[in-house]
Amino acid sequence: MENSTSQPGQGSSGTPDATDAAGVVQRSVESAGSALHSTIDKVADPARNTVNRASTAAHETVDKLASGAAHVVDRFSEQAARVAEAPSRAIDCSKSWVQDKPLEAVGAALALGFIIGRLTAR
């Protein structure tokens, strides 16, 4: 006599159901996928931290370089302004010296003219 009652997970012939096998395979795949995701996260987290530290260090270095360059530009601008103002200050100083000591100014002009004339005459 044939056994007409079947156990759960078994077909009428006593073999496991295809749906039960598919469920086992699906759970195995999901478990393997979860394990792989966990492994990837474990590997990626230190790399992510390293990249973040390197990125932060690079940004700080760029900020320091930019600050230093800005300081150099400011100093250069100050020096350029001094050089640009030098001729007008020299003229102002000369004017005040000529006004304060006109005879010495005429004597210095004559001496300078004589020296330049002698140098160019040769």
Protein backbone atom coordinates (compact mmCIF):
# COMPACT_ATOMS: atom_id res chain seq x y z
CA MET A 1 0.00 0.00 0.00
CA GLU A 2 1.23 3.46 -0.86
CA ASN A 3 1.64 6.18 1.76
CA SER A 4 -0.78 8.91 0.79
CA THR A 5 0.23 11.33 3.51
CA SER A 6 3.25 13.42 2.81
CA GLN A 7 5.36 15.33 5.21
CA PRO A 8 5.84 19.09 4.89
CA GLY A 9 8.57 19.98 2.42
CA GLN A 10 8.14 16.72 0.59
CA GLY A 11 6.09 16.00 -2.44
CA SER A 12 3.78 13.03 -2.81
CA SER A 13 6.74 10.87 -3.76
CA GLY A 14 8.67 11.72 -0.54
CA THR A 15 11.25 14.06 -2.20
CA PRO A 16 11.85 17.67 -1.11
CA ASP A 17 9.71 20.35 -2.77
CA ALA A 18 11.37 22.57 -5.40
CA THR A 19 10.02 25.65 -3.58
CA ASP A 20 11.66 24.55 -0.35
CA ALA A 21 15.00 24.06 -2.15
CA ALA A 22 14.63 27.47 -3.79
CA GLY A 23 14.03 29.02 -0.38
CA VAL A 24 17.16 27.40 1.02
CA VAL A 25 19.19 28.61 -1.96
CA GLN A 26 17.72 32.10 -1.65
CA ARG A 27 18.55 32.25 2.08
CA SER A 28 22.08 31.05 1.32
CA VAL A 29 22.53 33.69 -1.36
CA GLU A 30 21.19 36.41 0.95
CA SER A 31 23.48 35.23 3.75
CA ALA A 32 26.49 35.21 1.42
CA GLY A 33 25.54 38.67 0.11
CA SER A 34 25.20 39.99 3.64
CA ALA A 35 28.58 38.54 4.58
CA LEU A 36 30.17 40.11 1.49
CA HIS A 37 28.61 43.50 2.27
CA SER A 38 29.94 43.27 5.82
CA THR A 39 33.42 42.37 4.56
CA ILE A 40 33.38 45.21 2.05
CA ASP A 41 32.35 47.66 4.78
CA LYS A 42 35.15 46.38 7.05
CA VAL A 43 37.68 46.91 4.25
CA ALA A 44 36.23 50.22 3.01
CA ASP A 45 35.92 51.95 6.41
CA PRO A 46 39.69 52.19 7.08
CA ALA A 47 40.26 53.24 3.46
CA ARG A 48 37.52 55.86 3.79
CA ASN A 49 39.13 57.15 7.01
CA THR A 50 42.53 57.30 5.33
CA VAL A 51 41.11 59.17 2.34
CA ASN A 52 39.32 61.61 4.67
CA ARG A 53 42.54 62.26 6.63
CA ALA A 54 44.52 62.75 3.40
CA SER A 55 41.83 65.06 2.06
CA THR A 56 41.80 67.09 5.27
CA ALA A 57 45.60 67.35 5.25
CA ALA A 58 45.57 68.43 1.60
CA HIS A 59 42.96 71.11 2.30
CA GLU A 60 44.96 72.41 5.27
CA THR A 61 48.11 72.54 3.16
CA VAL A 62 46.33 74.46 0.40
CA ASP A 63 44.91 76.88 2.99
CA LYS A 64 48.40 77.45 4.46
CA LEU A 65 49.86 78.01 0.98
CA ALA A 66 47.08 80.42 0.08
CA SER A 67 47.56 82.32 3.34
CA GLY A 68 51.32 82.53 2.76
CA ALA A 69 50.80 83.68 -0.82
CA ALA A 70 48.34 86.34 0.35
CA HIS A 71 50.91 87.57 2.88
CA VAL A 72 53.60 87.74 0.18
CA VAL A 73 51.24 89.64 -2.13
CA ASP A 74 50.47 92.14 0.66
CA ARG A 75 54.17 92.73 1.35
CA PHE A 76 54.89 93.04 -2.37
CA SER A 77 52.08 95.58 -2.73
CA GLU A 78 53.50 97.62 0.16
CA GLN A 79 56.98 97.59 -1.39
CA ALA A 80 55.61 98.48 -4.82
CA ALA A 81 53.76 101.43 -3.28
CA ARG A 82 56.99 102.59 -1.59
CA VAL A 83 58.90 102.35 -4.89
CA ALA A 84 56.13 104.23 -6.70
CA GLU A 85 56.19 106.98 -4.07
CA ALA A 86 60.00 107.28 -3.96
CA PRO A 87 60.40 109.72 -6.90
CA SER A 88 57.77 112.11 -5.56
CA ARG A 89 59.33 111.99 -2.09
CA ALA A 90 62.77 112.65 -3.59
CA ILE A 91 61.41 115.65 -5.50
CA ASP A 92 59.66 116.98 -2.38
CA CYS A 93 62.85 116.57 -0.35
CA SER A 94 64.89 118.29 -3.08
CA LYS A 95 62.43 121.18 -3.26
CA SER A 96 62.55 121.74 0.46
CA TRP A 97 66.38 121.58 0.47
CA VAL A 98 66.61 124.08 -2.41
CA GLN A 99 64.17 126.41 -0.61
CA ASP A 100 66.07 126.13 2.68
CA LYS A 101 69.58 126.48 1.18
CA PRO A 102 69.41 128.17 -2.23
CA LEU A 103 73.14 129.07 -2.46
CA GLU A 104 74.27 125.53 -1.65
CA ALA A 105 71.77 124.23 -4.23
CA VAL A 106 73.22 126.49 -6.93
CA GLY A 107 76.78 125.44 -5.97
CA ALA A 108 75.81 121.74 -6.05
CA ALA A 109 74.14 122.23 -9.45
CA LEU A 110 77.25 123.95 -10.85
CA ALA A 111 79.54 121.22 -9.48
CA LEU A 112 77.31 118.48 -10.86
CA GLY A 113 77.12 120.22 -14.24
CA PHE A 114 80.92 120.57 -14.35
CA ILE A 115 81.43 116.87 -13.52
CA ILE A 116 78.90 115.71 -16.11
CA GLY A 117 80.42 118.07 -18.72
CA ARG A 118 83.91 116.67 -18.11
CA LEU A 119 82.71 113.08 -18.30
CA THR A 120 80.85 113.57 -21.58
CA ALA A 121 83.56 115.71 -23.21
CA ARG A 122 85.94 112.79 -23.52
